C-alpha atoms as a PDB file:
ATOM      1  CA  MET A   1      44.037 -55.359 -61.316  1.00  0.00           C
ATOM      2  CA  SER A   2      41.122 -53.290 -62.565  1.00  0.00           C
ATOM      3  CA  THR A   3      40.923 -49.578 -62.079  1.00  0.00           C
ATOM      4  CA  GLN A   4      37.845 -48.133 -60.473  1.00  0.00           C
ATOM      5  CA  PRO A   5      36.292 -44.968 -61.891  1.00  0.00           C
ATOM      6  CA  ALA A   6      36.976 -41.946 -59.734  1.00  0.00           C
ATOM      7  CA  MET A   7      34.058 -40.565 -57.788  1.00  0.00           C
ATOM      8  CA  PRO A   8      33.137 -37.045 -58.862  1.00  0.00           C
ATOM      9  CA  PRO A   9      34.165 -34.248 -56.495  1.00  0.00           C
ATOM     10  CA  GLY A  10      31.631 -32.854 -54.057  1.00  0.00           C
ATOM     11  CA  ASP A  11      28.424 -34.408 -52.853  1.00  0.00           C
ATOM     12  CA  GLU A  12      26.948 -34.971 -56.307  1.00  0.00           C
ATOM     13  CA  ILE A  13      27.375 -38.610 -57.260  1.00  0.00           C
ATOM     14  CA  SER A  14      25.733 -39.805 -60.439  1.00  0.00           C
ATOM     15  CA  GLU A  15      23.145 -42.537 -60.504  1.00  0.00           C
ATOM     16  CA  ALA A  16      25.459 -44.560 -62.764  1.00  0.00           C
ATOM     17  CA  ASP A  17      28.275 -44.330 -60.191  1.00  0.00           C
ATOM     18  CA  LEU A  18      25.907 -45.437 -57.420  1.00  0.00           C
ATOM     19  CA  VAL A  19      24.709 -48.382 -59.506  1.00  0.00           C
ATOM     20  CA  GLN A  20      28.324 -49.412 -60.121  1.00  0.00           C
ATOM     21  CA  LEU A  21      29.097 -49.088 -56.403  1.00  0.00           C
ATOM     22  CA  ALA A  22      26.094 -51.271 -55.527  1.00  0.00           C
ATOM     23  CA  ARG A  23      27.242 -53.790 -58.120  1.00  0.00           C
ATOM     24  CA  ARG A  24      30.760 -53.855 -56.621  1.00  0.00           C
ATOM     25  CA  ILE A  25      29.361 -54.304 -53.107  1.00  0.00           C
ATOM     26  CA  SER A  26      27.321 -57.264 -54.337  1.00  0.00           C
ATOM     27  CA  GLN A  27      30.393 -58.736 -56.042  1.00  0.00           C
ATOM     28  CA  TRP A  28      32.459 -58.286 -52.859  1.00  0.00           C
ATOM     29  CA  ARG A  29      29.768 -60.122 -50.895  1.00  0.00           C
ATOM     30  CA  ARG A  30      29.882 -63.068 -53.338  1.00  0.00           C
ATOM     31  CA  LYS A  31      33.691 -63.115 -53.165  1.00  0.00           C
ATOM     32  CA  ARG A  32      33.543 -63.146 -49.358  1.00  0.00           C
ATOM     33  CA  ASP A  33      31.091 -66.046 -49.510  1.00  0.00           C
ATOM     34  CA  SER A  34      33.394 -68.061 -51.765  1.00  0.00           C
ATOM     35  CA  LEU A  35      36.499 -67.391 -49.665  1.00  0.00           C
ATOM     36  CA  PHE A  36      34.921 -68.330 -46.338  1.00  0.00           C
ATOM     37  CA  GLN A  37      33.075 -71.517 -47.305  1.00  0.00           C
ATOM     38  CA  PRO A  38      31.616 -73.433 -45.499  1.00  0.00           C
ATOM     39  CA  VAL A  39      30.684 -70.404 -43.377  1.00  0.00           C
ATOM     40  CA  VAL A  40      27.274 -69.131 -44.453  1.00  0.00           C
ATOM     41  CA  PHE A  41      26.692 -65.384 -44.544  1.00  0.00           C
ATOM     42  CA  ALA A  42      22.978 -64.831 -45.021  1.00  0.00           C
ATOM     43  CA  ASP A  43      21.510 -61.390 -45.420  1.00  0.00           C
ATOM     44  CA  PRO A  44      18.935 -62.007 -48.148  1.00  0.00           C
ATOM     45  CA  GLU A  45      17.106 -58.726 -47.673  1.00  0.00           C
ATOM     46  CA  TRP A  46      20.272 -56.747 -48.339  1.00  0.00           C
ATOM     47  CA  ASP A  47      21.162 -58.893 -51.354  1.00  0.00           C
ATOM     48  CA  VAL A  48      17.653 -58.291 -52.719  1.00  0.00           C
ATOM     49  CA  LEU A  49      17.933 -54.511 -52.240  1.00  0.00           C
ATOM     50  CA  LEU A  50      21.357 -54.379 -53.908  1.00  0.00           C
ATOM     51  CA  ASP A  51      20.198 -56.479 -56.850  1.00  0.00           C
ATOM     52  CA  LEU A  52      17.059 -54.424 -57.393  1.00  0.00           C
ATOM     53  CA  PHE A  53      19.016 -51.165 -57.180  1.00  0.00           C
ATOM     54  CA  VAL A  54      21.536 -52.379 -59.763  1.00  0.00           C
ATOM     55  CA  GLN A  55      18.976 -53.921 -62.119  1.00  0.00           C
ATOM     56  CA  GLY A  56      16.717 -50.876 -61.832  1.00  0.00           C
ATOM     57  CA  GLY A  57      19.688 -48.661 -62.645  1.00  0.00           C
ATOM     58  CA  PHE A  58      19.996 -50.490 -65.953  1.00  0.00           C
ATOM     59  CA  GLY A  59      16.242 -50.253 -66.547  1.00  0.00           C
ATOM     60  CA  ARG A  60      15.791 -54.000 -66.150  1.00  0.00           C
ATOM     61  CA  LYS A  61      12.687 -55.653 -64.743  1.00  0.00           C
ATOM     62  CA  VAL A  62      13.352 -58.349 -62.128  1.00  0.00           C
ATOM     63  CA  SER A  63      11.187 -61.424 -61.821  1.00  0.00           C
ATOM     64  CA  MET A  64      10.412 -63.009 -58.475  1.00  0.00           C
ATOM     65  CA  SER A  65      12.328 -66.147 -59.484  1.00  0.00           C
ATOM     66  CA  SER A  66      15.438 -64.165 -60.478  1.00  0.00           C
ATOM     67  CA  LEU A  67      15.284 -62.232 -57.234  1.00  0.00           C
ATOM     68  CA  CYS A  68      15.137 -65.470 -55.256  1.00  0.00           C
ATOM     69  CA  ILE A  69      18.416 -66.485 -56.881  1.00  0.00           C
ATOM     70  CA  ALA A  70      19.972 -63.090 -56.104  1.00  0.00           C
ATOM     71  CA  ALA A  71      19.043 -63.500 -52.433  1.00  0.00           C
ATOM     72  CA  SER A  72      21.593 -66.361 -52.159  1.00  0.00           C
ATOM     73  CA  VAL A  73      19.445 -68.404 -49.792  1.00  0.00           C
ATOM     74  CA  PRO A  74      16.978 -71.266 -50.339  1.00  0.00           C
ATOM     75  CA  ALA A  75      13.999 -70.192 -52.453  1.00  0.00           C
ATOM     76  CA  THR A  76      11.510 -70.604 -49.595  1.00  0.00           C
ATOM     77  CA  THR A  77      13.592 -68.281 -47.402  1.00  0.00           C
ATOM     78  CA  ALA A  78      13.967 -65.771 -50.222  1.00  0.00           C
ATOM     79  CA  LEU A  79      10.221 -65.796 -50.944  1.00  0.00           C
ATOM     80  CA  ARG A  80       9.445 -65.227 -47.261  1.00  0.00           C
ATOM     81  CA  CYS A  81      11.885 -62.274 -47.120  1.00  0.00           C
ATOM     82  CA  ILE A  82      10.655 -60.721 -50.374  1.00  0.00           C
ATOM     83  CA  ASN A  83       6.987 -61.054 -49.391  1.00  0.00           C
ATOM     84  CA  ALA A  84       7.719 -59.503 -45.990  1.00  0.00           C
ATOM     85  CA  MET A  85       9.429 -56.550 -47.678  1.00  0.00           C
ATOM     86  CA  ILE A  86       6.427 -56.149 -49.994  1.00  0.00           C
ATOM     87  CA  GLU A  87       4.093 -56.104 -46.979  1.00  0.00           C
ATOM     88  CA  GLN A  88       6.351 -53.529 -45.272  1.00  0.00           C
ATOM     89  CA  GLY A  89       6.179 -51.269 -48.355  1.00  0.00           C
ATOM     90  CA  VAL A  90       9.900 -51.638 -49.133  1.00  0.00           C
ATOM     91  CA  LEU A  91       9.265 -53.442 -52.433  1.00  0.00           C
ATOM     92  CA  ALA A  92       6.447 -53.317 -54.965  1.00  0.00           C
ATOM     93  CA  LYS A  93       5.204 -56.160 -57.126  1.00  0.00           C
ATOM     94  CA  SER A  94       3.311 -56.234 -60.398  1.00  0.00           C
ATOM     95  CA  ARG A  95       2.344 -58.746 -63.071  1.00  0.00           C
ATOM     96  CA  ASP A  96       4.454 -58.934 -66.193  1.00  0.00           C
ATOM     97  CA  GLU A  97       2.345 -57.427 -68.996  1.00  0.00           C
ATOM     98  CA  ASN A  98       3.807 -59.912 -71.482  1.00  0.00           C
ATOM     99  CA  ASP A  99       3.476 -62.993 -69.276  1.00  0.00           C
ATOM    100  CA  GLY A 100       0.741 -62.851 -66.656  1.00  0.00           C
ATOM    101  CA  ARG A 101       2.293 -65.770 -64.777  1.00  0.00           C
ATOM    102  CA  ARG A 102       5.448 -63.790 -64.010  1.00  0.00           C
ATOM    103  CA  ILE A 103       5.637 -61.485 -60.998  1.00  0.00           C
ATOM    104  CA  LEU A 104       7.972 -58.498 -61.272  1.00  0.00           C
ATOM    105  CA  ILE A 105       9.524 -56.871 -58.210  1.00  0.00           C
ATOM    106  CA  GLU A 106      10.978 -53.387 -57.872  1.00  0.00           C
ATOM    107  CA  LEU A 107      12.092 -50.977 -55.193  1.00  0.00           C
ATOM    108  CA  THR A 108       9.496 -48.457 -54.116  1.00  0.00           C
ATOM    109  CA  PRO A 109      10.529 -44.848 -54.836  1.00  0.00           C
ATOM    110  CA  ASP A 110      11.152 -44.308 -51.109  1.00  0.00           C
ATOM    111  CA  THR A 111      13.377 -47.395 -50.874  1.00  0.00           C
ATOM    112  CA  ARG A 112      15.315 -46.374 -53.987  1.00  0.00           C
ATOM    113  CA  ALA A 113      15.897 -42.947 -52.413  1.00  0.00           C
ATOM    114  CA  ARG A 114      17.097 -44.592 -49.186  1.00  0.00           C
ATOM    115  CA  MET A 115      19.455 -46.872 -51.131  1.00  0.00           C
ATOM    116  CA  ARG A 116      20.746 -43.858 -53.030  1.00  0.00           C
ATOM    117  CA  ALA A 117      21.355 -41.988 -49.757  1.00  0.00           C
ATOM    118  CA  TRP A 118      23.197 -44.942 -48.207  1.00  0.00           C
ATOM    119  CA  LEU A 119      25.319 -45.562 -51.294  1.00  0.00           C
ATOM    120  CA  SER A 120      26.105 -41.840 -51.537  1.00  0.00           C
ATOM    121  CA  SER A 121      27.343 -41.853 -47.938  1.00  0.00           C
ATOM    122  CA  VAL A 122      29.527 -44.892 -48.683  1.00  0.00           C
ATOM    123  CA  ALA A 123      30.852 -43.320 -51.887  1.00  0.00           C
ATOM    124  CA  SER A 124      31.702 -40.067 -50.127  1.00  0.00           C
ATOM    125  CA  ALA A 125      33.661 -42.013 -47.483  1.00  0.00           C
ATOM    126  CA  LEU A 126      35.796 -43.766 -50.118  1.00  0.00           C
ATOM    127  CA  PRO A 127      39.139 -42.275 -51.131  1.00  0.00           C
ATOM    128  CA  ARG A 128      38.863 -40.200 -54.290  1.00  0.00           C
END
């Protein structure tokens, strides 16, 4: 059994703690999926947001193809969801400077702030 790092007292929760919380939520979702097969839980938009929050917290760039895998749905479904979120201003895309064929996706600053607010509310509700 692994020990979880304690959340700091008060309302101030570090970015690193929020990234770890998002990572744990994503892991819990994958565990749920494996335990309840063949039931399909599909919430690709949420999986995309969690993955981008975690990867961004580590300073990693995320390619469109990697994000499709993180969405845990067929690639065509993932692409449709990601493109819709780009059109809605939730995500931003850019070309990879090193490989012009690769598209990189990231959270917009507003979306990152919303993810941070949601994760902070979850973290503050957890036992300390």
